[in-house]
């Protein structure tokens, strides 16, 4: 303001410079007024278990006692802010409320609690159903269960774009500073995105689930990024059925699960198959794509992650996850064209990384699809302490293919190994310096080894996992929020 006044005094009102400055000032003022007006128009719904505060409440602010009431009243693009408390309710977000922001004021003390009350169909914590551009941040969701071990639902936070429809039904999903856990045996998924694209998940945690802590599925070209998450004490730390294309999972920890990390092709669930990491996956319409060279562009990237001590054979599990085995850092059943790069894979008692062709369903039926293990690149990873139970294909890295179908053009280079690889000397014949590579074979012995791990896993005694300690909360939960009594 001082600067403007001084310029006014130095220049006569008729000068061209003054006119330019005046015009600029009017534009800035108009923009500021428009921005303030736009901000003022954003509704803020505050969830408080007690009574609203005394005094005048701004016109754009409303108080509710349940999260669902606030969501139901929220116009598109508005905010739902949740004060600390334990909220015993399921929350459903539908398309009338697209673009809303759901944010707790403290990650550890805003708790949506299922209390293990599943009902006959199971229960979900927060479900975003076929709704675009919904963010969920800075809160804990716990103990929403399935009705039985192999039942449906039991998901803590679910961006559901149309489960099992084979179609993408939602765009733009966002999660940040989320804690999900189940301290019983019937929690399904912690953080779950299906039939949804253009997503982001950061700074989040999941434990105690009998399916997986994190799941991203049914998206040919997911256009999603996961960064700085921790998955522990689950049957599977991460599972991704038929998810590929532009998808990155980076700088994250998968520890003390039965299996740390499982991208996979799947049939018939979560159509359309396969799991295809090629940059061209969005155009693929084949369940069994063909890659004729190792020199392909890969956009599904698992990089700078840690897969450690995934030996928890007593974690909760269901029939599907038990069949996957245990003691494995990274398992890749029937995956295509993924890049596994610059990770630490350590102290997994059976095998660090296991990739194999995958007839599914198995044993084969008329409906079986014979997924190959093809076009993947495994490079610049550090392996140590894997395969301490010495049998079968135990060790740092084991690849199988060629028994049911051609699993060609996988390549392995620049890794640091401390134990056996299968095949041996894998960075020679299967090195990325080769434009083509053959099936890794390993014959029926590999199949028997995989089935042995499955049998051991199926004989487990599932045990509830502990509730996690407090996790880092959002530094400034008022960031980006319009003026309201909580965020002044």
Protein backbone atom coordinates (compact mmCIF):
# COMPACT_ATOMS: atom_id res chain seq x y z
CA UNK A 1 0.00 0.00 0.00
CA UNK A 2 2.81 2.43 0.88
CA UNK A 3 4.50 1.67 -2.41
CA UNK A 4 1.29 2.47 -4.34
CA UNK A 5 0.79 5.77 -2.52
CA UNK A 6 4.36 6.85 -3.19
CA UNK A 7 3.99 6.07 -6.89
CA UNK A 8 0.78 8.06 -7.00
CA UNK A 9 2.53 11.07 -5.55
CA UNK A 10 5.45 10.80 -7.94
CA UNK A 11 3.36 10.53 -11.09
CA UNK A 12 0.59 12.74 -12.36
CA UNK A 13 -2.76 11.00 -12.77
CA UNK A 14 -2.56 11.39 -16.53
CA UNK A 15 0.80 9.62 -16.93
CA UNK A 16 0.88 6.34 -18.80
CA UNK A 17 2.82 4.63 -16.02
CA UNK A 18 0.22 5.63 -13.46
CA UNK A 19 -2.54 4.23 -15.67
CA UNK A 20 -0.68 0.93 -15.96
CA UNK A 21 -0.15 0.74 -12.21
CA UNK A 22 -3.76 1.63 -11.55
CA UNK A 23 -4.97 -1.01 -13.99
CA UNK A 24 -2.71 -3.60 -12.36
CA UNK A 25 -3.99 -2.64 -8.94
CA UNK A 26 -7.59 -3.03 -10.10
CA UNK A 27 -6.81 -6.50 -11.51
CA UNK A 28 -5.12 -7.58 -8.26
CA UNK A 29 -7.99 -6.17 -6.21
CA UNK A 30 -10.56 -7.90 -8.40
CA UNK A 31 -8.67 -11.19 -8.16
CA UNK A 32 -8.34 -10.90 -4.39
CA UNK A 33 -12.04 -10.06 -4.05
CA UNK A 34 -12.98 -12.96 -6.31
CA UNK A 35 -10.70 -15.35 -4.41
CA UNK A 36 -12.12 -14.21 -1.08
CA UNK A 37 -15.64 -14.58 -2.39
CA UNK A 38 -14.87 -18.05 -3.74
CA UNK A 39 -13.31 -19.04 -0.42
CA UNK A 40 -16.29 -17.63 1.44
CA UNK A 41 -18.63 -19.70 -0.67
CA UNK A 42 -16.90 -22.96 0.32
CA UNK A 43 -18.97 -24.69 2.96
CA UNK A 44 -17.20 -26.05 6.02
CA UNK A 45 -19.07 -28.77 7.91
CA UNK A 46 -17.56 -29.36 11.33
CA UNK A 47 -18.17 -32.65 13.13
CA UNK A 48 -18.23 -32.25 16.89
CA UNK A 49 -19.65 -34.65 19.42
CA UNK A 50 -20.49 -31.85 21.83
CA UNK A 51 -22.52 -28.69 21.32
CA UNK A 52 -21.39 -25.95 18.89
CA UNK A 53 -19.30 -23.18 20.44
CA UNK A 54 -20.93 -20.02 21.69
CA UNK A 55 -20.89 -16.80 19.74
CA UNK A 56 -21.56 -16.04 16.12
CA UNK A 57 -20.92 -18.88 13.66
CA UNK A 58 -19.87 -17.85 10.12
CA UNK A 59 -22.53 -18.27 7.46
CA UNK A 60 -20.48 -20.87 5.60
CA UNK A 61 -19.96 -23.09 8.68
CA UNK A 62 -22.31 -25.77 9.99
CA UNK A 63 -22.01 -28.20 12.92
CA UNK A 64 -22.98 -31.89 12.95
CA UNK A 65 -22.60 -34.66 15.50
CA UNK A 66 -21.84 -37.47 13.05
CA UNK A 67 -19.54 -37.67 10.06
CA UNK A 68 -22.32 -39.08 7.88
CA UNK A 69 -24.62 -36.15 8.64
CA UNK A 70 -21.85 -33.74 7.65
CA UNK A 71 -21.10 -35.63 4.44
CA UNK A 72 -24.79 -35.79 3.50
CA UNK A 73 -25.06 -32.02 3.89
CA UNK A 74 -21.79 -31.19 2.12
CA UNK A 75 -22.10 -29.50 -1.30
CA UNK A 76 -19.63 -30.50 -3.98
CA UNK A 77 -16.14 -29.23 -3.30
CA UNK A 78 -16.73 -28.38 0.37
CA UNK A 79 -14.89 -29.40 3.53
CA UNK A 80 -15.77 -31.81 6.32
CA UNK A 81 -13.55 -31.21 9.34
CA UNK A 82 -13.71 -33.72 12.20
CA UNK A 83 -12.83 -32.79 15.76
CA UNK A 84 -11.16 -35.39 18.03
CA UNK A 85 -13.41 -38.16 19.24
CA UNK A 86 -14.35 -41.80 18.65
CA UNK A 87 -17.07 -42.06 15.99
CA UNK A 88 -18.98 -45.35 15.93
CA UNK A 89 -20.40 -45.19 12.42
CA UNK A 90 -20.00 -46.25 8.80
CA UNK A 91 -19.57 -43.41 6.31
CA UNK A 92 -20.70 -43.51 2.67
CA UNK A 93 -19.80 -40.79 0.17
CA UNK A 94 -21.84 -40.74 -3.06
CA UNK A 95 -21.64 -38.76 -6.28
CA UNK A 96 -23.79 -35.88 -4.99
CA UNK A 97 -20.78 -35.00 -2.85
CA UNK A 98 -17.94 -35.23 -5.36
CA UNK A 99 -14.93 -33.08 -4.69
CA UNK A 100 -15.34 -32.95 -0.92
CA UNK A 101 -12.41 -32.98 1.48
CA UNK A 102 -12.76 -35.11 4.62
CA UNK A 103 -10.07 -34.26 7.14
CA UNK A 104 -9.53 -35.05 10.80
CA UNK A 105 -7.95 -32.42 13.02
CA UNK A 106 -5.62 -35.03 14.54
CA UNK A 107 -4.63 -38.34 12.96
CA UNK A 108 -4.46 -40.27 16.23
CA UNK A 109 -7.45 -38.87 18.12
CA UNK A 110 -10.02 -38.68 15.31
CA UNK A 111 -11.08 -42.34 15.23
CA UNK A 112 -13.78 -43.97 13.11
CA UNK A 113 -14.44 -47.20 14.99
CA UNK A 114 -16.23 -50.30 13.68
CA UNK A 115 -16.00 -52.03 17.08
CA UNK A 116 -15.90 -55.42 15.28
CA UNK A 117 -19.67 -55.16 14.65
CA UNK A 118 -19.77 -56.59 11.15
CA UNK A 119 -23.42 -57.55 10.67
CA UNK A 120 -24.46 -60.23 8.14
CA UNK A 121 -22.80 -58.46 5.15
CA UNK A 122 -19.75 -57.05 6.85
CA UNK A 123 -19.04 -53.39 7.44
CA UNK A 124 -16.90 -50.70 5.82
CA UNK A 125 -15.43 -47.66 7.51
CA UNK A 126 -15.37 -44.86 4.93
CA UNK A 127 -16.51 -45.85 1.44
CA UNK A 128 -16.37 -43.46 -1.51
CA UNK A 129 -18.72 -45.01 -4.07
CA UNK A 130 -18.39 -44.06 -7.75
CA UNK A 131 -17.50 -40.53 -6.74
CA UNK A 132 -14.73 -38.34 -8.15
CA UNK A 133 -12.11 -36.20 -6.48
CA UNK A 134 -12.62 -37.10 -2.82
CA UNK A 135 -9.77 -36.71 -0.34
CA UNK A 136 -9.58 -38.39 3.07
CA UNK A 137 -6.88 -37.23 5.45
CA UNK A 138 -5.49 -37.21 8.96
CA UNK A 139 -7.59 -39.74 10.86
CA UNK A 140 -7.72 -43.35 12.03
CA UNK A 141 -10.21 -45.99 10.87
CA UNK A 142 -10.23 -49.28 12.76
CA UNK A 143 -11.99 -52.59 13.32
CA UNK A 144 -14.53 -52.68 10.50
CA UNK A 145 -14.88 -56.41 9.85
CA UNK A 146 -16.13 -59.04 7.48
CA UNK A 147 -18.92 -61.28 8.74
CA UNK A 148 -16.63 -64.28 8.23
CA UNK A 149 -13.01 -64.86 7.24
CA UNK A 150 -13.87 -65.15 3.54
CA UNK A 151 -16.80 -62.73 3.57
CA UNK A 152 -17.15 -59.41 1.77
CA UNK A 153 -16.38 -55.88 2.91
CA UNK A 154 -14.38 -55.35 6.09
CA UNK A 155 -12.59 -52.39 4.46
CA UNK A 156 -11.45 -49.41 6.49
CA UNK A 157 -11.05 -46.77 3.72
CA UNK A 158 -12.35 -47.73 0.27
CA UNK A 159 -12.41 -45.68 -2.91
CA UNK A 160 -14.86 -47.90 -4.79
CA UNK A 161 -15.26 -47.04 -8.45
CA UNK A 162 -17.50 -50.04 -9.13
CA UNK A 163 -16.18 -53.25 -7.64
CA UNK A 164 -16.21 -56.23 -10.06
CA UNK A 165 -17.79 -54.22 -12.90
CA UNK A 166 -14.70 -54.26 -15.10
CA UNK A 167 -15.12 -50.50 -15.63
CA UNK A 168 -13.50 -47.38 -14.22
CA UNK A 169 -16.15 -45.59 -12.20
CA UNK A 170 -14.19 -42.92 -10.34
CA UNK A 171 -11.39 -40.46 -11.04
CA UNK A 172 -9.10 -38.66 -8.62
CA UNK A 173 -8.79 -40.27 -5.21
CA UNK A 174 -6.52 -38.92 -2.48
CA UNK A 175 -5.40 -40.19 0.93
CA UNK A 176 -2.86 -38.70 3.31
CA UNK A 177 -1.91 -39.23 6.95
CA UNK A 178 -4.27 -42.19 7.37
CA UNK A 179 -4.01 -44.97 9.93
CA UNK A 180 -6.02 -48.16 9.41
CA UNK A 181 -5.85 -51.28 11.53
CA UNK A 182 -7.77 -54.27 12.80
CA UNK A 183 -6.88 -55.98 16.07
CA UNK A 184 -9.09 -59.00 15.35
CA UNK A 185 -9.12 -61.61 12.59
CA UNK A 186 -11.82 -60.36 10.21
CA UNK A 187 -10.52 -57.09 8.81
CA UNK A 188 -10.37 -57.30 4.99
CA UNK A 189 -8.43 -54.37 3.49
CA UNK A 190 -6.96 -51.33 5.19
CA UNK A 191 -6.56 -48.89 2.30
CA UNK A 192 -8.40 -49.94 -0.84
CA UNK A 193 -8.81 -48.41 -4.30
CA UNK A 194 -10.67 -50.38 -6.96
CA UNK A 195 -11.92 -49.38 -10.42
CA UNK A 196 -10.52 -45.92 -9.73
CA UNK A 197 -7.77 -43.93 -11.47
CA UNK A 198 -5.68 -40.80 -10.95
CA UNK A 199 -4.96 -41.42 -7.28
CA UNK A 200 -2.45 -40.56 -4.62
CA UNK A 201 -1.70 -42.07 -1.20
CA UNK A 202 0.98 -40.75 1.12
CA UNK A 203 2.13 -40.95 4.74
CA UNK A 204 -0.26 -43.77 5.65
CA UNK A 205 -0.29 -47.02 7.62
CA UNK A 206 -2.19 -50.34 7.73
CA UNK A 207 -1.91 -53.45 9.89
CA UNK A 208 -3.82 -56.57 10.91
CA UNK A 209 -5.76 -57.35 7.71
CA UNK A 210 -6.54 -60.83 6.44
CA UNK A 211 -6.38 -59.74 2.83
CA UNK A 212 -3.94 -56.84 2.44
CA UNK A 213 -2.99 -53.61 4.10
CA UNK A 214 -3.03 -51.76 0.78
CA UNK A 215 -4.84 -52.78 -2.38
CA UNK A 216 -5.00 -51.10 -5.78
CA UNK A 217 -6.87 -53.14 -8.37
CA UNK A 218 -8.91 -53.29 -11.56
CA UNK A 219 -7.25 -50.41 -13.38
CA UNK A 220 -5.45 -51.05 -16.68
CA UNK A 221 -3.76 -47.66 -16.44
CA UNK A 222 -4.06 -46.66 -12.80
CA UNK A 223 -2.31 -43.28 -13.00
CA UNK A 224 -1.58 -43.50 -9.28
CA UNK A 225 1.31 -42.92 -6.91
CA UNK A 226 1.92 -44.32 -3.43
CA UNK A 227 4.66 -42.71 -1.35
CA UNK A 228 5.92 -43.19 2.21
CA UNK A 229 3.48 -45.79 3.51
CA UNK A 230 4.03 -48.54 6.08
CA UNK A 231 2.28 -51.91 5.76
CA UNK A 232 2.89 -54.47 8.50
CA UNK A 233 1.27 -57.45 10.25
CA UNK A 234 -1.04 -58.29 7.33
CA UNK A 235 -1.51 -61.41 5.25
CA UNK A 236 -0.22 -59.32 2.33
CA UNK A 237 1.36 -55.92 2.78
CA UNK A 238 0.31 -54.84 -0.71
CA UNK A 239 -1.82 -56.59 -3.29
CA UNK A 240 -2.57 -55.29 -6.76
CA UNK A 241 -4.78 -57.44 -9.00
CA UNK A 242 -4.92 -56.39 -12.65
CA UNK A 243 -3.47 -52.96 -11.86
CA UNK A 244 -0.83 -51.46 -14.08
CA UNK A 245 0.19 -48.78 -16.50
CA UNK A 246 1.24 -45.58 -14.79
CA UNK A 247 1.53 -46.77 -11.21
CA UNK A 248 4.39 -46.06 -8.81
CA UNK A 249 4.89 -47.33 -5.25
CA UNK A 250 7.95 -45.70 -3.75
CA UNK A 251 9.85 -45.03 -0.52
CA UNK A 252 7.63 -47.36 1.49
CA UNK A 253 8.08 -50.16 4.05
CA UNK A 254 6.49 -53.63 3.88
CA UNK A 255 7.48 -55.52 7.01
CA UNK A 256 6.34 -58.47 9.13
CA UNK A 257 3.53 -59.51 6.80
CA UNK A 258 3.09 -63.11 5.63
CA UNK A 259 4.14 -61.81 2.19
CA UNK A 260 5.33 -58.28 1.73
CA UNK A 261 4.22 -57.32 -1.75
CA UNK A 262 2.05 -59.05 -4.38
CA UNK A 263 1.24 -57.46 -7.74
CA UNK A 264 -0.69 -60.13 -9.63
CA UNK A 265 -2.87 -61.09 -12.54
CA UNK A 266 -6.25 -62.40 -11.44
CA UNK A 267 -9.15 -64.31 -12.96
CA UNK A 268 -12.09 -63.89 -12.62
CA UNK A 269 -11.93 -61.26 -9.85
CA UNK A 270 -11.28 -57.57 -10.47
CA UNK A 271 -11.53 -57.66 -14.27
CA UNK A 272 -10.12 -57.01 -16.74
CA UNK A 273 -6.86 -58.98 -16.49
CA UNK A 274 -3.86 -58.98 -16.62
CA UNK A 275 -1.52 -57.06 -14.34
CA UNK A 276 0.42 -55.21 -17.03
CA UNK A 277 3.08 -52.65 -16.17
CA UNK A 278 3.86 -51.56 -19.73
CA UNK A 279 3.35 -47.89 -20.57
CA UNK A 280 1.02 -49.07 -23.34
CA UNK A 281 -1.17 -51.11 -20.98
CA UNK A 282 -4.16 -48.80 -21.37
CA UNK A 283 -4.45 -49.91 -24.98
CA UNK A 284 -3.98 -53.62 -24.28
CA UNK A 285 -7.07 -55.81 -24.62
CA UNK A 286 -5.41 -59.21 -24.25
CA UNK A 287 -5.41 -61.20 -21.03
CA UNK A 288 -2.03 -62.64 -22.04
CA UNK A 289 -0.01 -59.91 -23.81
CA UNK A 290 3.21 -60.71 -25.65
CA UNK A 291 6.52 -58.91 -25.20
CA UNK A 292 9.12 -59.68 -27.83
CA UNK A 293 12.07 -57.94 -26.19
CA UNK A 294 13.46 -56.86 -22.83
CA UNK A 295 13.78 -53.33 -24.21
CA UNK A 296 10.30 -52.06 -23.46
CA UNK A 297 8.94 -49.01 -21.65
CA UNK A 298 7.67 -49.88 -18.18
CA UNK A 299 5.43 -47.51 -16.23
CA UNK A 300 4.51 -49.71 -13.24
CA UNK A 301 7.44 -49.03 -10.94
CA UNK A 302 8.22 -50.38 -7.46
CA UNK A 303 11.23 -48.36 -6.40
CA UNK A 304 13.19 -47.34 -3.27
CA UNK A 305 11.04 -49.57 -1.05
CA UNK A 306 11.99 -51.95 1.77
CA UNK A 307 10.61 -55.50 1.95
CA UNK A 308 11.81 -56.86 5.27
CA UNK A 309 11.10 -59.83 7.56
CA UNK A 310 7.88 -60.88 5.88
CA UNK A 311 7.69 -64.09 7.87
CA UNK A 312 4.52 -63.58 9.89
CA UNK A 313 2.79 -66.90 9.35
CA UNK A 314 0.37 -66.13 12.19
CA UNK A 315 -1.04 -62.95 10.67
CA UNK A 316 -4.79 -63.01 9.91
CA UNK A 317 -5.53 -64.59 6.53
CA UNK A 318 -8.35 -65.92 4.36
CA UNK A 319 -8.49 -68.78 1.87
CA UNK A 320 -7.08 -66.69 -0.98
CA UNK A 321 -4.18 -65.14 0.91
CA UNK A 322 -3.25 -68.36 2.70
CA UNK A 323 -2.73 -69.98 -0.69
CA UNK A 324 -0.05 -67.41 -1.57
CA UNK A 325 2.51 -68.84 0.82
CA UNK A 326 4.63 -67.04 3.39
CA UNK A 327 8.16 -65.88 4.13
CA UNK A 328 8.41 -63.99 0.82
CA UNK A 329 9.43 -60.36 0.35
CA UNK A 330 8.00 -59.80 -3.14
CA UNK A 331 5.79 -62.31 -4.97
CA UNK A 332 4.83 -61.72 -8.62
CA UNK A 333 2.27 -64.27 -9.91
CA UNK A 334 1.62 -63.81 -13.62
CA UNK A 335 2.89 -60.23 -13.83
CA UNK A 336 3.88 -58.45 -17.02
CA UNK A 337 6.34 -55.63 -17.69
CA UNK A 338 6.90 -54.36 -14.13
CA UNK A 339 10.04 -52.55 -13.00
CA UNK A 340 11.38 -53.55 -9.58
CA UNK A 341 14.26 -51.19 -8.96
CA UNK A 342 16.59 -49.97 -6.21
CA UNK A 343 14.81 -51.70 -3.34
CA UNK A 344 16.11 -53.38 -0.18
CA UNK A 345 14.84 -56.96 0.10
CA UNK A 346 16.09 -58.61 3.28
CA UNK A 347 15.48 -61.26 5.93
CA UNK A 348 12.56 -63.03 4.27
CA UNK A 349 13.02 -66.64 5.35
CA UNK A 350 11.92 -68.43 2.17
CA UNK A 351 12.75 -66.21 -0.78
CA UNK A 352 13.41 -62.53 -1.34
CA UNK A 353 11.61 -62.22 -4.68
CA UNK A 354 9.57 -64.97 -6.33
CA UNK A 355 8.13 -64.52 -9.84
CA UNK A 356 6.24 -67.24 -11.68
CA UNK A 357 3.74 -68.06 -14.39
CA UNK A 358 0.25 -68.36 -12.98
CA UNK A 359 -2.57 -70.55 -14.27
CA UNK A 360 -5.61 -69.07 -12.59
CA UNK A 361 -7.82 -70.69 -11.38
CA UNK A 362 -5.48 -73.51 -10.32
CA UNK A 363 -5.75 -76.49 -10.61
CA UNK A 364 -6.71 -75.65 -14.21
CA UNK A 365 -10.32 -75.67 -15.36
CA UNK A 366 -12.04 -74.64 -18.58
CA UNK A 367 -12.04 -71.05 -17.20
CA UNK A 368 -8.31 -70.93 -16.45
CA UNK A 369 -6.18 -68.20 -18.00
CA UNK A 370 -2.52 -69.14 -18.34
CA UNK A 371 -0.78 -65.95 -17.30
CA UNK A 372 2.91 -65.79 -18.14
CA UNK A 373 5.61 -64.08 -16.11
CA UNK A 374 7.00 -61.91 -18.87
CA UNK A 375 8.69 -58.62 -19.68
CA UNK A 376 9.62 -57.73 -16.08
CA UNK A 377 12.86 -55.99 -15.12
CA UNK A 378 14.52 -56.55 -11.72
CA UNK A 379 17.49 -54.25 -11.34
CA UNK A 380 19.77 -52.50 -8.83
CA UNK A 381 18.17 -54.08 -5.75
CA UNK A 382 20.05 -55.09 -2.60
CA UNK A 383 19.26 -58.58 -1.31
CA UNK A 384 20.46 -59.92 2.06
CA UNK A 385 19.47 -62.49 4.68
CA UNK A 386 16.86 -64.17 2.50
CA UNK A 387 16.24 -67.91 2.23
CA UNK A 388 17.36 -68.97 5.70
CA UNK A 389 15.02 -71.97 5.42
CA UNK A 390 17.10 -73.81 2.82
CA UNK A 391 14.93 -75.93 0.57
CA UNK A 392 13.41 -75.80 -2.88
CA UNK A 393 13.99 -72.45 -4.58
CA UNK A 394 14.93 -70.65 -1.39
CA UNK A 395 17.33 -67.72 -1.66
CA UNK A 396 17.37 -64.16 -2.89
CA UNK A 397 15.62 -64.45 -6.24
CA UNK A 398 13.65 -67.27 -7.88
CA UNK A 399 11.95 -67.09 -11.27
CA UNK A 400 9.79 -69.81 -12.80
CA UNK A 401 8.21 -70.11 -16.22
CA UNK A 402 8.03 -72.28 -19.30
CA UNK A 403 6.06 -75.15 -17.82
CA UNK A 404 2.58 -73.91 -18.75
CA UNK A 405 3.39 -71.05 -21.13
CA UNK A 406 6.29 -68.99 -22.45
CA UNK A 407 7.58 -66.62 -19.75
CA UNK A 408 10.18 -64.80 -21.80
CA UNK A 409 12.01 -61.47 -21.88
CA UNK A 410 12.36 -60.90 -18.17
CA UNK A 411 15.72 -59.37 -17.28
CA UNK A 412 17.85 -59.06 -14.15
CA UNK A 413 20.82 -56.70 -13.79
CA UNK A 414 22.85 -54.69 -11.30
CA UNK A 415 21.54 -56.42 -8.17
CA UNK A 416 23.53 -57.24 -5.05
CA UNK A 417 22.94 -60.88 -4.10
CA UNK A 418 23.97 -62.68 -0.91
CA UNK A 419 22.25 -66.05 -1.45
CA UNK A 420 21.17 -68.35 -4.27
CA UNK A 421 19.34 -67.28 -7.40
CA UNK A 422 17.16 -69.53 -9.50
CA UNK A 423 18.31 -69.92 -12.25
CA UNK A 424 21.93 -69.65 -11.16
CA UNK A 425 24.08 -66.91 -12.69
CA UNK A 426 20.86 -65.16 -13.49
CA UNK A 427 22.45 -61.90 -14.63
CA UNK A 428 24.18 -63.66 -17.52
CA UNK A 429 21.57 -65.44 -19.65
CA UNK A 430 18.80 -63.31 -18.12
CA UNK A 431 20.77 -60.07 -17.88
CA UNK A 432 19.27 -56.82 -19.18
CA UNK A 433 22.15 -56.52 -21.62
CA UNK A 434 20.27 -59.11 -23.69
CA UNK A 435 17.54 -57.91 -26.01
CA UNK A 436 15.71 -61.21 -25.46
CA UNK A 437 15.79 -63.81 -22.68
CA UNK A 438 14.32 -67.33 -22.47
CA UNK A 439 11.85 -68.77 -19.97
CA UNK A 440 13.54 -69.32 -16.59
CA UNK A 441 12.18 -72.89 -16.44
CA UNK A 442 13.18 -74.60 -13.12
CA UNK A 443 10.63 -77.25 -14.07
CA UNK A 444 8.14 -78.96 -11.80
CA UNK A 445 10.39 -78.48 -8.77
CA UNK A 446 9.44 -74.82 -8.74
CA UNK A 447 5.73 -75.66 -8.73
CA UNK A 448 6.17 -78.14 -5.89
CA UNK A 449 8.06 -75.50 -3.91
CA UNK A 450 5.29 -72.93 -4.38
CA UNK A 451 2.67 -75.51 -3.38
CA UNK A 452 4.73 -76.45 -0.31
CA UNK A 453 4.78 -72.84 0.88
CA UNK A 454 1.03 -72.62 0.27
CA UNK A 455 0.38 -75.76 2.34
CA UNK A 456 2.44 -74.41 5.25
CA UNK A 457 0.59 -71.10 5.06
CA UNK A 458 -2.80 -72.84 5.00
CA UNK A 459 -1.88 -74.69 8.21
CA UNK A 460 -1.34 -71.43 10.11
CA UNK A 461 -2.95 -70.45 13.39
CA UNK A 462 -4.10 -66.86 12.79
CA UNK A 463 -3.49 -64.49 15.68
CA UNK A 464 -4.83 -60.96 16.20
CA UNK A 465 -2.14 -58.34 15.65
CA UNK A 466 -1.47 -55.46 18.06
CA UNK A 467 -2.86 -51.98 17.63
CA UNK A 468 -0.16 -49.67 16.30
CA UNK A 469 1.49 -46.85 18.21
CA UNK A 470 0.60 -43.25 17.42
CA UNK A 471 1.61 -42.18 13.91
CA UNK A 472 2.82 -38.76 12.71
CA UNK A 473 -0.14 -36.42 12.34
CA UNK A 474 -0.58 -33.74 9.67
CA UNK A 475 1.60 -30.76 10.64
CA UNK A 476 -1.06 -28.19 9.76
CA UNK A 477 -4.58 -29.61 9.38
CA UNK A 478 -5.88 -26.14 8.52
CA UNK A 479 -3.76 -25.84 5.40
CA UNK A 480 -5.96 -24.93 2.42
CA UNK A 481 -9.15 -24.80 4.50
CA UNK A 482 -11.47 -21.77 4.18
CA UNK A 483 -12.03 -19.50 7.17
CA UNK A 484 -14.05 -21.20 9.91
CA UNK A 485 -14.04 -21.40 13.71
CA UNK A 486 -11.41 -24.20 13.67
CA UNK A 487 -9.20 -22.62 11.01
CA UNK A 488 -9.03 -18.87 11.47
